[in-house]
N, C-alpha and C. Protein backbone atom coordinates (compact mmCIF):
# COMPACT_ATOMS: atom_id res chain seq x y z
N MET A 1 135.17 124.30 125.51
CA MET A 1 136.14 123.63 124.68
C MET A 1 135.40 122.83 123.62
N ALA A 2 135.74 123.06 122.37
CA ALA A 2 135.12 122.34 121.27
C ALA A 2 135.68 120.94 121.20
N SER A 3 134.83 120.01 120.85
CA SER A 3 135.32 118.64 120.74
C SER A 3 135.60 118.30 119.29
N GLN A 4 136.66 117.58 119.10
CA GLN A 4 137.09 117.15 117.77
C GLN A 4 136.60 115.73 117.54
N VAL A 5 136.00 115.50 116.38
CA VAL A 5 135.53 114.16 116.03
C VAL A 5 136.24 113.71 114.77
N PRO A 6 136.22 112.41 114.49
CA PRO A 6 136.88 111.92 113.28
C PRO A 6 136.39 112.68 112.05
N GLY A 7 137.29 112.99 111.17
CA GLY A 7 136.95 113.74 109.98
C GLY A 7 137.19 115.22 110.14
N GLY A 8 137.56 115.65 111.34
CA GLY A 8 137.91 117.04 111.57
C GLY A 8 136.76 117.96 111.93
N ALA A 9 135.54 117.46 111.98
CA ALA A 9 134.41 118.33 112.31
C ALA A 9 134.43 118.66 113.79
N VAL A 10 134.06 119.88 114.10
CA VAL A 10 134.01 120.33 115.49
C VAL A 10 132.55 120.36 115.92
N ASN A 11 132.27 119.77 117.10
CA ASN A 11 130.93 119.72 117.67
C ASN A 11 129.90 119.10 116.71
N ALA A 12 130.31 118.11 115.97
CA ALA A 12 129.39 117.41 115.09
C ALA A 12 128.41 116.58 115.91
N CYS A 13 127.38 116.13 115.26
CA CYS A 13 126.39 115.29 115.92
C CYS A 13 127.05 114.04 116.50
N LEU A 14 126.63 113.68 117.70
CA LEU A 14 127.09 112.44 118.33
C LEU A 14 125.91 111.47 118.31
N PRO A 15 125.86 110.57 117.33
CA PRO A 15 124.69 109.69 117.19
C PRO A 15 124.46 108.82 118.42
N ASN A 16 123.18 108.61 118.73
CA ASN A 16 122.86 107.63 119.76
C ASN A 16 121.96 106.53 119.21
N ILE A 17 121.76 106.53 117.87
CA ILE A 17 121.02 105.45 117.22
C ILE A 17 121.70 105.09 115.89
N ASN A 18 121.54 103.82 115.51
CA ASN A 18 122.12 103.34 114.27
C ASN A 18 121.18 103.62 113.09
N LEU A 19 121.61 103.26 111.90
CA LEU A 19 120.84 103.55 110.69
C LEU A 19 119.47 102.86 110.71
N ALA A 20 119.41 101.63 111.16
CA ALA A 20 118.12 100.91 111.20
C ALA A 20 117.14 101.63 112.12
N GLU A 21 117.62 102.10 113.27
CA GLU A 21 116.76 102.83 114.21
C GLU A 21 116.33 104.17 113.62
N ARG A 22 117.24 104.81 112.91
CA ARG A 22 116.89 106.08 112.25
C ARG A 22 115.79 105.86 111.22
N ARG A 23 115.92 104.80 110.45
CA ARG A 23 114.90 104.51 109.43
C ARG A 23 113.55 104.23 110.06
N ARG A 24 113.54 103.54 111.21
CA ARG A 24 112.27 103.29 111.92
C ARG A 24 111.61 104.61 112.31
N ARG A 25 112.40 105.54 112.77
CA ARG A 25 111.84 106.82 113.19
C ARG A 25 111.35 107.64 112.00
N LEU A 26 112.07 107.58 110.89
CA LEU A 26 111.63 108.27 109.69
C LEU A 26 110.32 107.68 109.18
N THR A 27 110.21 106.37 109.15
CA THR A 27 108.98 105.72 108.72
C THR A 27 107.82 106.12 109.61
N PHE A 28 108.05 106.12 110.92
CA PHE A 28 107.02 106.54 111.86
C PHE A 28 106.59 107.98 111.57
N GLY A 29 107.55 108.86 111.33
CA GLY A 29 107.25 110.26 111.05
C GLY A 29 106.44 110.43 109.78
N VAL A 30 106.80 109.70 108.74
CA VAL A 30 106.10 109.80 107.46
C VAL A 30 104.66 109.30 107.62
N VAL A 31 104.48 108.19 108.33
CA VAL A 31 103.13 107.66 108.55
C VAL A 31 102.30 108.66 109.36
N ALA A 32 102.86 109.23 110.40
CA ALA A 32 102.12 110.20 111.22
C ALA A 32 101.75 111.43 110.39
N LEU A 33 102.66 111.90 109.54
CA LEU A 33 102.36 113.05 108.69
C LEU A 33 101.25 112.70 107.69
N ALA A 34 101.33 111.52 107.10
CA ALA A 34 100.29 111.10 106.15
C ALA A 34 98.93 111.03 106.83
N LEU A 35 98.89 110.50 108.05
CA LEU A 35 97.63 110.45 108.80
C LEU A 35 97.11 111.86 109.09
N GLY A 36 98.02 112.77 109.43
CA GLY A 36 97.62 114.15 109.68
C GLY A 36 97.04 114.81 108.44
N ILE A 37 97.66 114.56 107.30
CA ILE A 37 97.17 115.14 106.05
C ILE A 37 95.82 114.56 105.67
N VAL A 38 95.66 113.25 105.82
CA VAL A 38 94.37 112.61 105.54
C VAL A 38 93.30 113.15 106.47
N ALA A 39 93.62 113.27 107.76
CA ALA A 39 92.65 113.80 108.73
C ALA A 39 92.27 115.24 108.37
N LEU A 40 93.24 116.04 107.98
CA LEU A 40 92.97 117.42 107.58
C LEU A 40 92.06 117.45 106.36
N ALA A 41 92.36 116.61 105.38
CA ALA A 41 91.52 116.56 104.18
C ALA A 41 90.08 116.17 104.52
N LEU A 42 89.92 115.18 105.41
CA LEU A 42 88.58 114.77 105.81
C LEU A 42 87.84 115.90 106.52
N LEU A 43 88.53 116.60 107.39
CA LEU A 43 87.91 117.72 108.10
C LEU A 43 87.50 118.82 107.12
N MET A 44 88.33 119.06 106.12
CA MET A 44 88.01 120.08 105.13
C MET A 44 86.82 119.65 104.26
N LEU A 45 86.83 118.38 103.84
CA LEU A 45 85.76 117.88 102.98
C LEU A 45 84.40 117.84 103.67
N THR A 46 84.41 117.57 104.96
CA THR A 46 83.15 117.50 105.70
C THR A 46 82.68 118.85 106.18
N GLY A 47 83.49 119.88 105.99
CA GLY A 47 83.09 121.23 106.35
C GLY A 47 83.09 121.51 107.85
N GLU A 48 83.83 120.72 108.59
CA GLU A 48 83.91 120.94 110.05
C GLU A 48 84.55 122.29 110.35
N SER A 49 84.25 122.80 111.52
CA SER A 49 84.85 124.05 111.97
C SER A 49 86.37 123.93 111.98
N ARG A 50 87.04 125.03 111.70
CA ARG A 50 88.51 125.03 111.72
C ARG A 50 89.06 124.62 113.08
N TRP A 51 88.31 124.85 114.15
CA TRP A 51 88.79 124.50 115.49
C TRP A 51 88.93 123.00 115.67
N TRP A 52 88.25 122.21 114.85
CA TRP A 52 88.41 120.76 114.91
C TRP A 52 89.77 120.33 114.38
N ARG A 53 90.49 121.26 113.77
CA ARG A 53 91.83 120.95 113.25
C ARG A 53 92.91 121.03 114.32
N VAL A 54 92.61 121.68 115.43
CA VAL A 54 93.61 121.85 116.49
C VAL A 54 94.20 120.52 116.98
N PRO A 55 93.38 119.48 117.17
CA PRO A 55 93.96 118.20 117.61
C PRO A 55 94.94 117.57 116.61
N LEU A 56 95.01 118.10 115.39
CA LEU A 56 95.98 117.58 114.43
C LEU A 56 97.41 117.71 114.92
N ILE A 57 97.62 118.61 115.88
CA ILE A 57 98.97 118.74 116.43
C ILE A 57 99.43 117.42 117.06
N LEU A 58 98.47 116.60 117.48
CA LEU A 58 98.79 115.29 118.05
C LEU A 58 99.33 114.32 117.00
N LEU A 59 99.17 114.65 115.74
CA LEU A 59 99.79 113.88 114.65
C LEU A 59 101.01 114.61 114.09
N PHE A 60 100.94 115.93 114.05
CA PHE A 60 102.05 116.70 113.49
C PHE A 60 103.30 116.64 114.37
N TYR A 61 103.13 116.65 115.69
CA TYR A 61 104.30 116.58 116.57
C TYR A 61 105.03 115.25 116.42
N PRO A 62 104.34 114.10 116.49
CA PRO A 62 105.06 112.83 116.28
C PRO A 62 105.70 112.75 114.89
N ALA A 63 105.04 113.31 113.89
CA ALA A 63 105.62 113.31 112.54
C ALA A 63 106.94 114.07 112.55
N ALA A 64 106.93 115.23 113.16
CA ALA A 64 108.14 116.07 113.19
C ALA A 64 109.23 115.44 114.06
N ILE A 65 108.84 114.87 115.19
CA ILE A 65 109.86 114.28 116.06
C ILE A 65 110.48 113.05 115.39
N GLY A 66 109.68 112.29 114.66
CA GLY A 66 110.23 111.17 113.91
C GLY A 66 111.24 111.63 112.88
N TYR A 67 110.89 112.70 112.16
CA TYR A 67 111.82 113.21 111.15
C TYR A 67 113.11 113.73 111.79
N PHE A 68 112.98 114.55 112.83
CA PHE A 68 114.18 115.15 113.42
C PHE A 68 115.05 114.13 114.14
N GLN A 69 114.46 113.08 114.70
CA GLN A 69 115.28 112.01 115.27
C GLN A 69 116.09 111.34 114.17
N PHE A 70 115.47 111.14 113.02
CA PHE A 70 116.16 110.57 111.87
C PHE A 70 117.29 111.51 111.41
N ALA A 71 116.95 112.75 111.20
CA ALA A 71 117.92 113.71 110.65
C ALA A 71 119.07 114.00 111.60
N ASP A 72 118.78 114.03 112.90
CA ASP A 72 119.80 114.39 113.89
C ASP A 72 120.46 113.18 114.54
N HIS A 73 120.13 111.97 114.08
CA HIS A 73 120.75 110.74 114.58
C HIS A 73 120.57 110.60 116.10
N THR A 74 119.44 111.08 116.62
CA THR A 74 119.25 111.15 118.06
C THR A 74 117.88 110.67 118.47
N CYS A 75 117.83 109.62 119.29
CA CYS A 75 116.58 109.14 119.86
C CYS A 75 116.34 109.83 121.20
N VAL A 76 115.23 110.51 121.31
CA VAL A 76 114.90 111.25 122.52
C VAL A 76 114.69 110.30 123.70
N ALA A 77 114.00 109.20 123.48
CA ALA A 77 113.72 108.25 124.57
C ALA A 77 115.00 107.60 125.08
N LEU A 78 115.88 107.20 124.18
CA LEU A 78 117.15 106.62 124.62
C LEU A 78 117.98 107.65 125.38
N ALA A 79 118.00 108.88 124.91
CA ALA A 79 118.76 109.93 125.60
C ALA A 79 118.22 110.14 127.02
N ALA A 80 116.92 110.08 127.17
CA ALA A 80 116.31 110.24 128.50
C ALA A 80 116.72 109.12 129.45
N ARG A 81 117.02 107.95 128.88
CA ARG A 81 117.45 106.81 129.70
C ARG A 81 118.97 106.70 129.76
N ASN A 82 119.68 107.72 129.26
CA ASN A 82 121.15 107.73 129.24
C ASN A 82 121.71 106.57 128.43
N GLU A 83 121.06 106.28 127.32
CA GLU A 83 121.46 105.13 126.50
C GLU A 83 121.65 105.53 125.04
N ARG A 84 122.25 104.61 124.31
CA ARG A 84 122.38 104.71 122.86
C ARG A 84 122.22 103.31 122.29
N LYS A 85 121.85 103.24 121.02
CA LYS A 85 121.72 101.95 120.35
C LYS A 85 122.44 102.04 119.01
N LEU A 86 123.72 101.77 119.06
CA LEU A 86 124.54 101.84 117.86
C LEU A 86 124.74 100.46 117.24
N GLY A 87 124.44 99.42 117.99
CA GLY A 87 124.54 98.04 117.51
C GLY A 87 123.18 97.37 117.64
N GLU A 88 123.20 96.13 118.05
CA GLU A 88 121.96 95.36 118.21
C GLU A 88 121.22 95.68 119.50
N ARG A 89 121.97 96.09 120.51
CA ARG A 89 121.36 96.34 121.83
C ARG A 89 121.65 97.75 122.30
N ALA A 90 120.76 98.25 123.14
CA ALA A 90 120.99 99.54 123.76
C ALA A 90 122.07 99.38 124.82
N GLU A 91 122.89 100.40 124.95
CA GLU A 91 123.95 100.41 125.97
C GLU A 91 123.95 101.75 126.68
N ARG A 92 124.41 101.72 127.89
CA ARG A 92 124.46 102.92 128.71
C ARG A 92 125.59 103.84 128.24
N ILE A 93 125.34 105.14 128.26
CA ILE A 93 126.37 106.13 127.96
C ILE A 93 127.00 106.53 129.29
N ASP A 94 128.26 106.13 129.49
CA ASP A 94 128.93 106.40 130.77
C ASP A 94 129.74 107.69 130.75
N ASP A 95 130.19 108.11 129.58
CA ASP A 95 130.99 109.33 129.47
C ASP A 95 130.10 110.56 129.66
N ALA A 96 130.40 111.36 130.67
CA ALA A 96 129.56 112.52 131.01
C ALA A 96 129.50 113.53 129.87
N GLY A 97 130.60 113.73 129.18
CA GLY A 97 130.62 114.68 128.06
C GLY A 97 129.75 114.22 126.92
N GLN A 98 129.86 112.93 126.58
CA GLN A 98 129.02 112.39 125.51
C GLN A 98 127.55 112.43 125.89
N LEU A 99 127.26 112.09 127.14
CA LEU A 99 125.88 112.10 127.60
C LEU A 99 125.29 113.51 127.52
N ALA A 100 126.07 114.49 127.93
CA ALA A 100 125.60 115.88 127.87
C ALA A 100 125.30 116.29 126.43
N ARG A 101 126.17 115.90 125.50
CA ARG A 101 125.94 116.24 124.09
C ARG A 101 124.69 115.55 123.55
N VAL A 102 124.51 114.28 123.87
CA VAL A 102 123.34 113.55 123.38
C VAL A 102 122.06 114.15 123.97
N LYS A 103 122.09 114.49 125.25
CA LYS A 103 120.91 115.10 125.87
C LYS A 103 120.60 116.46 125.26
N ALA A 104 121.64 117.24 124.94
CA ALA A 104 121.43 118.54 124.28
C ALA A 104 120.83 118.34 122.90
N GLN A 105 121.31 117.33 122.17
CA GLN A 105 120.76 117.02 120.86
C GLN A 105 119.29 116.61 120.98
N ALA A 106 118.96 115.79 121.97
CA ALA A 106 117.59 115.34 122.17
C ALA A 106 116.68 116.52 122.50
N ASN A 107 117.19 117.44 123.30
CA ASN A 107 116.42 118.64 123.63
C ASN A 107 116.16 119.46 122.37
N ALA A 108 117.18 119.60 121.53
CA ALA A 108 117.03 120.34 120.27
C ALA A 108 116.01 119.67 119.36
N VAL A 109 116.03 118.34 119.31
CA VAL A 109 115.06 117.60 118.50
C VAL A 109 113.64 117.93 118.97
N GLN A 110 113.43 117.93 120.28
CA GLN A 110 112.09 118.21 120.81
C GLN A 110 111.63 119.63 120.48
N TRP A 111 112.53 120.59 120.62
CA TRP A 111 112.16 121.99 120.31
C TRP A 111 111.88 122.18 118.83
N LYS A 112 112.71 121.59 117.97
CA LYS A 112 112.47 121.71 116.53
C LYS A 112 111.16 121.04 116.15
N ALA A 113 110.89 119.90 116.75
CA ALA A 113 109.65 119.18 116.44
C ALA A 113 108.43 119.99 116.88
N MET A 114 108.50 120.59 118.05
CA MET A 114 107.37 121.39 118.52
C MET A 114 107.16 122.60 117.62
N GLY A 115 108.23 123.27 117.26
CA GLY A 115 108.11 124.42 116.37
C GLY A 115 107.52 124.03 115.03
N THR A 116 107.97 122.92 114.49
CA THR A 116 107.45 122.44 113.21
C THR A 116 105.98 122.06 113.33
N ALA A 117 105.61 121.39 114.41
CA ALA A 117 104.22 120.99 114.62
C ALA A 117 103.31 122.22 114.72
N VAL A 118 103.77 123.25 115.38
CA VAL A 118 102.97 124.47 115.50
C VAL A 118 102.80 125.13 114.13
N VAL A 119 103.87 125.18 113.35
CA VAL A 119 103.77 125.76 112.01
C VAL A 119 102.80 124.94 111.15
N LEU A 120 102.90 123.61 111.21
CA LEU A 120 101.97 122.77 110.45
C LEU A 120 100.53 122.98 110.89
N LEU A 121 100.33 123.14 112.19
CA LEU A 121 98.98 123.38 112.70
C LEU A 121 98.47 124.73 112.20
N LEU A 122 99.30 125.75 112.25
CA LEU A 122 98.88 127.06 111.76
C LEU A 122 98.51 127.01 110.27
N LEU A 123 99.31 126.28 109.51
CA LEU A 123 98.98 126.10 108.09
C LEU A 123 97.64 125.37 107.92
N ALA A 124 97.42 124.35 108.75
CA ALA A 124 96.16 123.61 108.68
C ALA A 124 94.98 124.49 109.04
N LEU A 125 95.18 125.46 109.91
CA LEU A 125 94.09 126.35 110.30
C LEU A 125 93.75 127.37 109.24
N VAL A 126 94.71 127.72 108.40
CA VAL A 126 94.44 128.76 107.40
C VAL A 126 94.05 128.22 106.03
N VAL A 127 94.25 126.94 105.77
CA VAL A 127 93.87 126.42 104.45
C VAL A 127 92.39 126.13 104.39
């Protein structure tokens, strides 16, 4: 059964974080991506083996997860704790349907982030 949300959208995103929290995650993602790019540039400039680029995934994954948490209005850590932070404080999600949707969104965020991190790593290996 599809769920109806205000505005008429069916199965739209069910946010578990507010705008301020989303911005924090986006900032984190941008910083992690910038660090990854700087690290890649340093590895390229110093002529290190391409295999030294593999650990860059440790920067690319957080960068991607920060972005997708921002874009999808979903905090993975809060979802894991069955919580949301739409106001000043985190609160428990008691509705089973809402919790299931938020957990599904968090799972999608993780998969998209991993896929993106792998693609970024592959690009880093070929440049």
